[in-house]
Amino acid sequence: MRRTLALFLPYLPSERLIRTYGQPETPFVLTEKQRGAMVIVAADRQALSLGLGPGMKLADARARVPELLAFDHDPLGDAALLGRLAEACERYTPMVAIDPPYALILDIGGAAHFFESEEALAQDVEDRLDEAGYRALWALAGTPDAALALARHGLKEGAEEQLPVSAVDMDDKTHQALERAGLYHIGDLAERPRPGLAARFGMELTLRLDRLLGVEDRPIDPIRAVGNILTERRFPEPLTHIDAALSCLEELFVEASVRLEERGQGARMIRMMLFRCDGDVARLGVETGAPTRDAALFKRLLRERIGALNDELNPGFGYDLIRLSIVAAESLASRQLHLEGGEDQQGDQTALVSQLSTRLGRERVTCFQPADSHIPEQGLLALPILDAPAPIPWAFSPPGNPPMRPLHLFDPPQHVQVIAEVPDGPPHRFTWRRKTHRVIRYEGPERIASEWWTRKDGQEVGKGGLTRDYYRVEDVNGRRYWMFRHGLYGDEKANPDWYIHGLFA
């Protein structure tokens, strides 16, 4: 059964400012410009007790409280803080969602057994937030909408009918229409037949009402995707040594591997979270080049990942919760070795790729993959090897013949001055990098037309639009070049330019 814990932080903007700069001696508000006037968006508790609140103009508020302080509202800072608090709440459940601007939703179904009750779990969350300096109102319910509405109005589960009609997530016009009809509380709406409400106020109202009453449920969007397999350890006495924490992670991976083997899968992406007693969370991630259940490989990758961190892991007062989840998994069948023995070279290659990607970064270990394009600079892509598909055979030239194209290309192609016997003929002599080269042999042309969907007036190299005539040429010193004339002489361009696109080894 779905159980939802909603947390509402009504003073988040002012408490964030207090945590950053300290408590001012006088009341203060946070403002922003609306329709040419400075309007209060949030206020601290002292200002609220004086009758100042959101929606009031700053000039009217200062007329009542002359010593009132005003600061600019920073919604991006509030959103960033709410995101950090959501990450801290992942110690209770991996299903944590943000409901802007000041609410969090925790799906605690199946997670309350670590506490005496669901209320004890909610009270622990409130106590931790209070220690961090943030006041939170919480409520439990069967659906996210019901829990959020109860928390925002300071009510507990079972009091849904006491909520005002404004608790239904509709526009102000609908709320006013409901009140004019004499419907002031959710209980008044619940007594009315649904067809009548839908005919007068729309189907959206009845759907949201059923969600609030727990009749209709909706999924939440957690801040992080939940792994296929999740294992964790909770400690009555926090771990204060990194080696102990790493040993725990290795044990958790072994447990996850057993469940992966039952499914015939191997891990591709592993996420680890180490929760400190003071609320800090250390996050680690490991990717493998191929599906694996090898605990020894995981241990090496984990050590590499920690060694590549800019800031070393600091256990502080200790980790009281360590969690490991398999975020991505793929099929991995058991393999039988040859009867005469032998080494698993493919496994060694996968381990090397995984280790290098972990040490240097996934974007820095790449491999070439053919792309569906006949334009030379677009025919190959350098992709992270962890994301690259299975290799396929390349066929750039017939076996036993020299390559038709160089492996490495200039980006962009380099401009050269060419002298040709005829304007649309092969190069006879060219100047490149202030040095003149005389051509003694050539092959070509290999004509590559522009892509039909590009503009025909494109003049910039690499932007398409003009036809290219490629030549493989050799100078008197035996050096070989891959050159092209950019544009057909007379038809596309009066004086086509020449470029060197690559060098043959």
Protein backbone atom coordinates (compact mmCIF):
# COMPACT_ATOMS: atom_id res chain seq x y z
CA MET A 1 0.00 0.00 0.00
CA ARG A 2 1.28 3.45 -0.92
CA ARG A 3 2.14 5.62 2.07
CA THR A 4 3.23 9.20 1.53
CA LEU A 5 4.93 11.67 3.85
CA ALA A 6 4.67 15.33 2.82
CA LEU A 7 6.93 18.02 4.27
CA PHE A 8 6.01 21.68 3.98
CA LEU A 9 8.65 24.30 4.81
CA PRO A 10 6.74 27.60 5.09
CA TYR A 11 9.71 29.71 6.22
CA LEU A 12 12.31 28.33 3.83
CA PRO A 13 13.32 31.66 2.15
CA SER A 14 13.77 33.57 5.41
CA GLU A 15 15.45 30.63 7.16
CA ARG A 16 17.91 30.28 4.28
CA LEU A 17 18.89 33.94 4.68
CA ILE A 18 19.23 33.54 8.46
CA ARG A 19 21.43 30.46 7.99
CA THR A 20 23.63 32.41 5.58
CA TYR A 21 23.91 35.84 7.25
CA GLY A 22 22.56 35.36 10.76
CA GLN A 23 19.38 36.57 12.48
CA PRO A 24 18.78 40.35 12.03
CA GLU A 25 17.75 42.33 15.09
CA THR A 26 14.64 43.68 13.36
CA PRO A 27 11.95 41.90 11.31
CA PHE A 28 12.67 41.46 7.61
CA VAL A 29 10.92 40.49 4.40
CA LEU A 30 11.93 39.26 0.97
CA THR A 31 10.58 41.23 -1.97
CA GLU A 32 10.40 41.26 -5.75
CA LYS A 33 9.05 43.71 -8.30
CA GLN A 34 5.55 42.99 -9.56
CA ARG A 35 3.74 45.39 -11.92
CA GLY A 36 6.13 48.19 -11.07
CA ALA A 37 5.81 47.87 -7.28
CA MET A 38 7.91 46.06 -4.69
CA VAL A 39 5.78 43.27 -3.24
CA ILE A 40 6.54 41.00 -0.28
CA VAL A 41 7.11 37.38 -1.32
CA ALA A 42 8.22 35.91 2.02
CA ALA A 43 8.72 37.13 5.59
CA ASP A 44 10.38 35.91 8.74
CA ARG A 45 8.35 34.77 11.74
CA GLN A 46 8.66 38.11 13.54
CA ALA A 47 7.31 40.00 10.53
CA LEU A 48 4.47 37.50 10.15
CA SER A 49 3.52 37.98 13.80
CA LEU A 50 3.17 41.72 13.08
CA GLY A 51 0.65 41.03 10.32
CA LEU A 52 3.03 41.36 7.38
CA GLY A 53 2.91 38.65 4.77
CA PRO A 54 3.18 37.68 1.11
CA GLY A 55 1.23 39.82 -1.33
CA MET A 56 1.54 43.04 0.69
CA LYS A 57 3.30 46.01 -0.90
CA LEU A 58 6.58 46.98 0.72
CA ALA A 59 5.50 50.62 1.07
CA ASP A 60 2.38 49.62 3.03
CA ALA A 61 4.41 47.27 5.23
CA ARG A 62 6.97 49.97 6.09
CA ALA A 63 4.15 52.37 6.90
CA ARG A 64 3.12 49.92 9.61
CA VAL A 65 6.65 48.85 10.68
CA PRO A 66 9.17 51.63 9.83
CA GLU A 67 12.21 49.61 10.95
CA LEU A 68 11.35 46.73 8.60
CA LEU A 69 14.29 45.38 6.59
CA ALA A 70 13.85 44.26 2.99
CA PHE A 71 16.03 41.93 0.91
CA ASP A 72 15.76 40.72 -2.66
CA HIS A 73 14.04 37.39 -3.10
CA ASP A 74 16.26 34.67 -4.62
CA PRO A 75 14.00 31.90 -5.97
CA LEU A 76 16.95 30.03 -7.51
CA GLY A 77 18.68 29.91 -4.14
CA ASP A 78 15.50 28.58 -2.54
CA ALA A 79 15.18 25.90 -5.22
CA ALA A 80 18.81 24.84 -4.74
CA LEU A 81 18.32 24.57 -0.99
CA LEU A 82 15.13 22.55 -1.42
CA GLY A 83 17.05 20.20 -3.72
CA ARG A 84 19.76 19.67 -1.09
CA LEU A 85 17.16 18.96 1.57
CA ALA A 86 15.52 16.44 -0.77
CA GLU A 87 18.86 14.68 -1.20
CA ALA A 88 19.30 14.56 2.57
CA CYS A 89 15.85 12.93 2.90
CA GLU A 90 16.98 10.04 0.70
CA ARG A 91 18.27 8.42 3.89
CA TYR A 92 14.64 7.49 4.62
CA THR A 93 13.58 6.34 1.17
CA PRO A 94 14.98 6.51 -2.37
CA MET A 95 11.59 7.83 -3.57
CA VAL A 96 11.87 11.55 -2.80
CA ALA A 97 10.21 14.19 -4.97
CA ILE A 98 10.18 17.99 -4.91
CA ASP A 99 6.93 19.96 -5.02
CA PRO A 100 7.92 23.60 -5.68
CA PRO A 101 8.29 25.98 -4.13
CA TYR A 102 8.58 24.74 -0.53
CA ALA A 103 7.42 21.12 -0.22
CA LEU A 104 8.89 17.63 -0.38
CA ILE A 105 7.14 14.29 -0.96
CA LEU A 106 8.53 11.01 0.43
CA ASP A 107 7.11 7.66 -0.59
CA ILE A 108 7.74 5.70 2.62
CA GLY A 109 5.86 2.55 1.65
CA GLY A 110 7.97 -0.33 2.95
CA ALA A 111 10.53 2.01 4.56
CA ALA A 112 8.99 2.63 7.98
CA HIS A 113 10.08 -0.72 9.44
CA PHE A 114 13.38 0.85 10.46
CA PHE A 115 11.43 2.97 12.96
CA GLU A 116 8.81 2.20 15.56
CA SER A 117 6.08 3.63 13.34
CA GLU A 118 5.44 5.95 10.42
CA GLU A 119 4.92 8.79 12.88
CA ALA A 120 8.32 8.07 14.42
CA LEU A 121 9.92 8.29 10.99
CA ALA A 122 8.18 11.61 10.30
CA GLN A 123 9.21 12.93 13.70
CA ASP A 124 12.83 11.99 12.99
CA VAL A 125 12.70 13.95 9.73
CA GLU A 126 11.24 16.95 11.53
CA ASP A 127 13.90 16.79 14.26
CA ARG A 128 16.76 16.64 11.76
CA LEU A 129 15.37 19.59 9.79
CA ASP A 130 14.86 21.52 13.01
CA GLU A 131 18.49 20.90 14.03
CA ALA A 132 19.55 22.26 10.63
CA GLY A 133 17.48 25.40 11.23
CA TYR A 134 14.40 24.70 9.09
CA ARG A 135 10.85 24.48 10.39
CA ALA A 136 8.75 21.76 8.72
CA LEU A 137 5.09 20.78 8.87
CA TRP A 138 4.39 17.16 7.99
CA ALA A 139 1.44 14.93 7.29
CA LEU A 140 0.93 11.28 6.34
CA ALA A 141 -1.62 10.06 3.83
CA GLY A 142 -2.27 7.43 1.21
CA THR A 143 -1.77 9.78 -1.75
CA PRO A 144 0.68 12.63 -2.42
CA ASP A 145 -2.10 15.19 -2.98
CA ALA A 146 -3.75 14.43 0.35
CA ALA A 147 -0.49 14.52 2.28
CA LEU A 148 0.54 17.82 0.68
CA ALA A 149 -2.80 19.47 1.37
CA LEU A 150 -2.79 18.36 5.00
CA ALA A 151 0.79 19.48 5.56
CA ARG A 152 0.22 22.91 4.02
CA HIS A 153 -2.76 23.53 6.31
CA GLY A 154 -1.17 22.06 9.45
CA LEU A 155 -3.57 19.11 9.68
CA LYS A 156 -3.00 15.37 10.15
CA GLU A 157 -4.32 12.29 8.40
CA GLY A 158 -8.08 11.87 8.65
CA ALA A 159 -8.84 15.59 8.59
CA GLU A 160 -9.19 15.87 4.80
CA GLU A 161 -12.84 16.97 5.01
CA GLN A 162 -11.85 19.95 7.19
CA LEU A 163 -9.62 21.36 4.45
CA PRO A 164 -10.83 24.50 2.67
CA VAL A 165 -11.78 24.23 -0.99
CA SER A 166 -8.61 26.16 -1.83
CA ALA A 167 -6.72 22.96 -0.98
CA VAL A 168 -7.89 21.56 -4.33
CA ASP A 169 -5.19 22.44 -6.84
CA MET A 170 -7.33 24.63 -9.12
CA ASP A 171 -7.22 28.28 -10.23
CA ASP A 172 -8.58 31.15 -8.10
CA LYS A 173 -11.60 31.57 -10.36
CA THR A 174 -12.75 28.01 -9.60
CA HIS A 175 -12.17 28.49 -5.87
CA GLN A 176 -14.31 31.66 -5.88
CA ALA A 177 -17.05 29.91 -7.83
CA LEU A 178 -17.12 27.06 -5.30
CA GLU A 179 -17.40 29.47 -2.38
CA ARG A 180 -20.19 31.41 -4.10
CA ALA A 181 -22.00 28.10 -4.45
CA GLY A 182 -21.77 27.64 -0.67
CA LEU A 183 -19.03 25.00 -0.80
CA TYR A 184 -16.36 26.07 1.69
CA HIS A 185 -14.73 22.79 2.78
CA ILE A 186 -13.64 19.57 1.14
CA GLY A 187 -16.32 17.78 3.12
CA ASP A 188 -18.94 19.87 1.33
CA LEU A 189 -17.54 18.79 -2.02
CA ALA A 190 -17.27 15.14 -1.01
CA GLU A 191 -21.01 15.00 -0.31
CA ARG A 192 -21.93 16.26 -3.77
CA PRO A 193 -22.49 13.82 -6.67
CA ARG A 194 -19.50 13.73 -9.00
CA PRO A 195 -21.51 14.11 -12.26
CA GLY A 196 -22.97 17.39 -11.04
CA LEU A 197 -19.59 18.79 -10.01
CA ALA A 198 -18.05 17.71 -13.31
CA ALA A 199 -20.85 19.30 -15.33
CA ARG A 200 -20.51 22.63 -13.52
CA PHE A 201 -16.79 22.88 -12.74
CA GLY A 202 -15.17 20.37 -15.09
CA MET A 203 -13.73 16.87 -14.86
CA GLU A 204 -10.42 18.24 -13.62
CA LEU A 205 -12.02 19.26 -10.33
CA THR A 206 -13.46 15.81 -9.64
CA LEU A 207 -10.13 14.14 -10.50
CA ARG A 208 -8.17 16.37 -8.12
CA LEU A 209 -10.82 15.97 -5.45
CA ASP A 210 -10.58 12.17 -5.65
CA ARG A 211 -6.79 12.40 -5.38
CA LEU A 212 -7.10 14.56 -2.30
CA LEU A 213 -9.60 12.18 -0.71
CA GLY A 214 -7.40 9.17 -1.46
CA VAL A 215 -9.76 7.61 -4.01
CA GLU A 216 -7.42 8.27 -6.96
CA ASP A 217 -3.63 7.97 -6.78
CA ARG A 218 -0.87 9.49 -8.90
CA PRO A 219 2.81 8.59 -9.15
CA ILE A 220 5.51 10.94 -7.95
CA ASP A 221 8.58 11.97 -9.92
CA PRO A 222 11.61 11.21 -7.70
CA ILE A 223 14.72 13.37 -7.97
CA ARG A 224 16.72 10.27 -8.91
CA ALA A 225 15.74 7.15 -10.77
CA VAL A 226 15.34 4.21 -8.45
CA GLY A 227 17.77 1.39 -9.16
CA ASN A 228 16.71 -2.04 -10.34
CA ILE A 229 18.33 -3.55 -7.24
CA LEU A 230 18.94 -1.73 -3.97
CA THR A 231 20.94 -2.90 -0.98
CA GLU A 232 21.83 -0.95 2.15
CA ARG A 233 23.27 -1.17 5.65
CA ARG A 234 22.23 0.81 8.73
CA PHE A 235 24.57 1.04 11.68
CA PRO A 236 23.67 1.65 15.33
CA GLU A 237 27.24 2.88 15.79
CA PRO A 238 28.42 5.03 12.85
CA LEU A 239 31.44 3.95 10.80
CA THR A 240 34.30 6.41 11.22
CA HIS A 241 36.89 4.72 8.97
CA ILE A 242 36.89 4.83 5.18
CA ASP A 243 38.23 1.27 4.88
CA ALA A 244 35.25 -0.06 6.85
CA ALA A 245 32.87 1.86 4.59
CA LEU A 246 34.55 0.49 1.45
CA SER A 247 34.37 -3.05 2.80
CA CYS A 248 30.66 -2.52 3.41
CA LEU A 249 30.19 -1.34 -0.19
CA GLU A 250 31.95 -4.45 -1.48
CA GLU A 251 29.65 -6.65 0.61
CA LEU A 252 26.61 -4.80 -0.71
CA PHE A 253 27.77 -5.36 -4.29
CA VAL A 254 28.15 -9.08 -3.62
CA GLU A 255 24.56 -9.15 -2.34
CA ALA A 256 23.39 -7.29 -5.42
CA SER A 257 25.35 -9.68 -7.66
CA VAL A 258 23.46 -12.65 -6.25
CA ARG A 259 20.17 -11.02 -7.22
CA LEU A 260 21.58 -10.06 -10.62
CA GLU A 261 22.61 -13.67 -11.23
CA GLU A 262 19.08 -14.82 -10.49
CA ARG A 263 17.87 -12.49 -13.25
CA GLY A 264 20.66 -13.40 -15.65
CA GLN A 265 21.95 -9.80 -15.65
CA GLY A 266 25.11 -7.86 -14.97
CA ALA A 267 25.62 -4.35 -13.62
CA ARG A 268 26.47 -1.50 -16.00
CA MET A 269 25.95 1.50 -13.71
CA ILE A 270 26.29 1.42 -9.93
CA ARG A 271 25.36 4.27 -7.60
CA MET A 272 26.52 4.50 -4.00
CA MET A 273 25.42 6.86 -1.23
CA LEU A 274 27.10 7.27 2.15
CA PHE A 275 24.98 9.16 4.69
CA ARG A 276 26.76 10.93 7.52
CA CYS A 277 25.25 11.53 10.95
CA ASP A 278 25.26 15.31 10.42
CA GLY A 279 23.16 15.03 7.24
CA ASP A 280 25.96 15.25 4.68
CA VAL A 281 25.73 12.74 1.82
CA ALA A 282 28.68 11.43 -0.20
CA ARG A 283 27.78 10.13 -3.67
CA LEU A 284 29.84 7.79 -5.82
CA GLY A 285 29.12 6.31 -9.21
CA VAL A 286 30.82 3.56 -11.20
CA GLU A 287 30.21 2.51 -14.81
CA THR A 288 31.50 -0.61 -16.50
CA GLY A 289 32.33 -1.25 -20.13
CA ALA A 290 30.19 -4.40 -20.17
CA PRO A 291 27.72 -6.11 -17.81
CA THR A 292 29.54 -7.60 -14.84
CA ARG A 293 29.04 -9.37 -11.55
CA ASP A 294 32.76 -9.52 -10.79
CA ALA A 295 33.35 -8.35 -7.21
CA ALA A 296 37.11 -7.99 -7.81
CA LEU A 297 36.49 -5.66 -10.77
CA PHE A 298 34.05 -3.61 -8.71
CA LYS A 299 36.64 -3.28 -5.95
CA ARG A 300 39.26 -1.96 -8.39
CA LEU A 301 36.81 0.47 -9.98
CA LEU A 302 35.68 1.71 -6.59
CA ARG A 303 39.28 2.39 -5.53
CA GLU A 304 39.91 4.20 -8.83
CA ARG A 305 36.77 6.28 -8.38
CA ILE A 306 37.74 7.36 -4.88
CA GLY A 307 41.29 8.12 -6.02
CA ALA A 308 39.92 10.42 -8.76
CA LEU A 309 37.83 12.52 -6.35
CA ASN A 310 38.79 16.17 -5.99
CA ASP A 311 37.83 16.06 -2.30
CA GLU A 312 38.65 12.98 -0.29
CA LEU A 313 35.87 11.20 1.52
CA ASN A 314 35.51 12.59 5.00
CA PRO A 315 33.48 10.40 7.36
CA GLY A 316 33.31 13.15 10.01
CA PHE A 317 31.35 11.75 12.92
CA GLY A 318 30.69 8.61 10.91
CA TYR A 319 28.35 7.04 8.37
CA ASP A 320 25.15 5.63 9.81
CA LEU A 321 23.69 4.48 6.46
CA ILE A 322 25.35 3.16 3.29
CA ARG A 323 23.30 2.36 0.20
CA LEU A 324 24.23 0.73 -3.11
CA SER A 325 21.87 0.52 -6.07
CA ILE A 326 22.18 -0.98 -9.53
CA VAL A 327 20.90 1.82 -11.76
CA ALA A 328 21.45 0.07 -15.11
CA ALA A 329 21.78 -3.63 -15.83
CA GLU A 330 22.01 -5.73 -18.99
CA SER A 331 21.77 -9.40 -19.83
CA LEU A 332 24.82 -11.43 -18.84
CA ALA A 333 24.79 -15.15 -19.54
CA SER A 334 27.19 -17.51 -17.83
CA ARG A 335 30.19 -18.47 -20.00
CA GLN A 336 31.97 -21.78 -20.15
CA LEU A 337 35.75 -21.68 -20.62
CA HIS A 338 37.57 -23.83 -23.16
CA LEU A 339 38.47 -27.34 -22.09
CA GLU A 340 42.17 -26.64 -22.76
CA GLY A 341 41.99 -23.57 -20.53
CA GLY A 342 43.03 -20.09 -21.56
CA GLU A 343 42.59 -16.51 -20.48
CA ASP A 344 39.45 -14.43 -20.78
CA GLN A 345 40.90 -11.72 -23.00
CA GLN A 346 37.54 -10.08 -23.58
CA GLY A 347 37.01 -9.79 -19.85
CA ASP A 348 40.46 -8.25 -19.43
CA GLN A 349 39.70 -5.71 -22.15
CA THR A 350 36.41 -4.79 -20.50
CA ALA A 351 38.12 -4.39 -17.14
CA LEU A 352 40.79 -2.14 -18.67
CA VAL A 353 38.22 0.07 -20.40
CA SER A 354 36.17 0.36 -17.21
CA GLN A 355 39.20 1.20 -15.11
CA LEU A 356 40.51 3.86 -17.52
CA SER A 357 37.07 5.46 -17.84
CA THR A 358 36.73 5.59 -14.07
CA ARG A 359 40.21 7.05 -13.59
CA LEU A 360 40.25 9.60 -16.43
CA GLY A 361 36.53 10.31 -16.89
CA ARG A 362 33.97 8.69 -19.15
CA GLU A 363 34.21 11.47 -21.77
CA ARG A 364 37.99 11.09 -22.16
CA VAL A 365 38.13 7.44 -23.18
CA THR A 366 36.56 7.31 -26.63
CA CYS A 367 36.45 5.14 -29.71
CA PHE A 368 35.51 5.79 -33.33
CA GLN A 369 32.12 4.66 -34.54
CA PRO A 370 30.84 4.91 -38.13
CA ALA A 371 27.93 7.29 -38.68
CA ASP A 372 25.26 7.27 -41.38
CA SER A 373 26.72 10.08 -43.50
CA HIS A 374 28.88 10.21 -46.64
CA ILE A 375 30.37 13.59 -45.66
CA PRO A 376 33.91 12.64 -44.48
CA GLU A 377 34.03 14.70 -41.27
CA GLN A 378 30.58 13.44 -40.34
CA GLY A 379 31.15 9.78 -41.20
CA LEU A 380 32.91 8.99 -37.92
CA LEU A 381 31.97 9.91 -34.39
CA ALA A 382 34.20 9.79 -31.33
CA LEU A 383 31.89 8.40 -28.63
CA PRO A 384 32.65 7.51 -25.02
CA ILE A 385 33.59 3.87 -25.14
CA LEU A 386 31.12 3.12 -22.34
CA ASP A 387 28.27 4.31 -24.59
CA ALA A 388 29.58 2.89 -27.87
CA PRO A 389 27.56 0.09 -29.50
CA ALA A 390 29.04 -3.27 -30.37
CA PRO A 391 31.84 -2.94 -32.97
CA ILE A 392 31.14 -3.75 -36.60
CA PRO A 393 33.70 -4.45 -39.36
CA TRP A 394 34.87 -1.45 -41.35
CA ALA A 395 35.34 -1.57 -45.13
CA PHE A 396 37.17 1.58 -46.17
CA SER A 397 39.34 -0.18 -48.79
CA PRO A 398 39.69 -3.66 -50.33
CA PRO A 399 42.03 -6.05 -48.51
CA GLY A 400 45.68 -5.68 -49.55
CA ASN A 401 45.22 -2.17 -50.99
CA PRO A 402 46.28 1.11 -49.42
CA PRO A 403 43.54 2.94 -47.48
CA MET A 404 41.17 5.07 -49.51
CA ARG A 405 40.96 7.71 -46.78
CA PRO A 406 43.27 8.79 -43.97
CA LEU A 407 42.37 7.81 -40.43
CA HIS A 408 42.78 11.31 -38.95
CA LEU A 409 41.29 14.38 -40.62
CA PHE A 410 41.99 18.07 -40.15
CA ASP A 411 39.14 19.89 -38.43
CA PRO A 412 38.56 22.22 -40.14
CA PRO A 413 40.25 21.37 -43.46
CA GLN A 414 43.33 23.52 -44.14
CA HIS A 415 43.32 25.95 -47.05
CA VAL A 416 46.05 25.57 -49.72
CA GLN A 417 47.07 27.44 -52.90
CA VAL A 418 46.87 25.10 -55.90
CA ILE A 419 48.11 25.32 -59.47
CA ALA A 420 46.30 22.93 -61.83
CA GLU A 421 46.90 22.21 -65.52
CA VAL A 422 43.22 22.92 -66.21
CA PRO A 423 40.75 24.70 -63.89
CA ASP A 424 38.71 21.55 -63.22
CA GLY A 425 41.66 19.14 -63.29
CA PRO A 426 43.87 17.56 -60.62
CA PRO A 427 46.45 19.61 -58.67
CA HIS A 428 49.86 20.02 -60.30
CA ARG A 429 51.53 22.02 -57.53
CA PHE A 430 50.27 23.36 -54.20
CA THR A 431 51.53 25.58 -51.38
CA TRP A 432 50.78 24.57 -47.83
CA ARG A 433 52.24 26.08 -44.68
CA ARG A 434 54.50 28.36 -46.76
CA LYS A 435 56.06 25.39 -48.53
CA THR A 436 55.53 24.41 -52.17
CA HIS A 437 54.92 20.76 -53.07
CA ARG A 438 55.07 19.33 -56.60
CA VAL A 439 52.65 16.51 -57.34
CA ILE A 440 54.04 13.49 -59.21
CA ARG A 441 51.11 11.07 -58.75
CA TYR A 442 47.41 11.42 -58.10
CA GLU A 443 44.22 9.35 -57.95
CA GLY A 444 40.76 10.74 -58.38
CA PRO A 445 38.57 12.55 -58.42
CA GLU A 446 36.18 11.05 -55.87
CA ARG A 447 33.15 13.29 -56.07
CA ILE A 448 31.10 13.83 -52.92
CA ALA A 449 27.97 15.86 -53.47
CA SER A 450 26.40 18.02 -50.82
CA GLU A 451 23.49 16.69 -48.80
CA TRP A 452 20.24 17.49 -50.55
CA TRP A 453 18.71 19.20 -47.50
CA THR A 454 21.57 21.75 -47.14
CA ARG A 455 21.67 25.13 -48.78
CA LYS A 456 23.37 25.34 -52.16
CA ASP A 457 24.89 28.72 -51.39
CA GLY A 458 26.94 27.50 -48.42
CA GLN A 459 30.49 28.79 -48.75
CA GLU A 460 32.04 27.77 -45.43
CA VAL A 461 33.96 24.51 -45.39
CA GLY A 462 32.21 21.91 -43.27
CA LYS A 463 28.81 23.62 -43.60
CA GLY A 464 27.79 21.74 -46.76
CA GLY A 465 26.25 23.20 -49.86
CA LEU A 466 29.09 22.77 -52.43
CA THR A 467 30.29 19.66 -54.22
CA ARG A 468 33.73 18.30 -53.36
CA ASP A 469 36.21 16.57 -55.70
CA TYR A 470 38.73 14.59 -53.64
CA TYR A 471 42.22 13.55 -54.85
CA ARG A 472 44.86 11.33 -53.32
CA VAL A 473 48.14 12.94 -54.29
CA GLU A 474 51.84 12.20 -53.71
CA ASP A 475 54.62 14.80 -53.85
CA VAL A 476 58.25 14.36 -54.93
CA ASN A 477 59.26 13.45 -51.36
CA GLY A 478 56.80 10.56 -51.18
CA ARG A 479 54.34 12.28 -48.85
CA ARG A 480 50.68 11.58 -49.55
CA TYR A 481 47.79 13.99 -49.03
CA TRP A 482 44.04 13.89 -49.28
CA MET A 483 42.86 17.08 -51.01
CA PHE A 484 39.61 18.38 -52.44
CA ARG A 485 38.34 21.18 -54.61
CA HIS A 486 35.40 22.90 -52.93
CA GLY A 487 32.78 23.59 -55.59
CA LEU A 488 32.37 22.70 -59.26
CA TYR A 489 34.29 25.06 -61.54
CA GLY A 490 31.95 27.43 -63.38
CA ASP A 491 28.72 25.80 -62.15
CA GLU A 492 28.88 26.33 -58.38
CA LYS A 493 31.82 28.71 -58.04
CA ALA A 494 33.92 30.82 -60.41
CA ASN A 495 37.21 30.10 -58.62
CA PRO A 496 36.89 27.09 -56.33
CA ASP A 497 39.14 26.88 -53.26
CA TRP A 498 41.34 23.89 -52.42
CA TYR A 499 41.78 22.27 -49.05
CA ILE A 500 43.85 19.50 -47.45
CA HIS A 501 41.55 17.29 -45.41
CA GLY A 502 44.00 14.66 -44.14
CA LEU A 503 47.42 13.01 -44.37
CA PHE A 504 48.22 9.39 -45.15
CA ALA A 505 50.78 7.73 -42.91
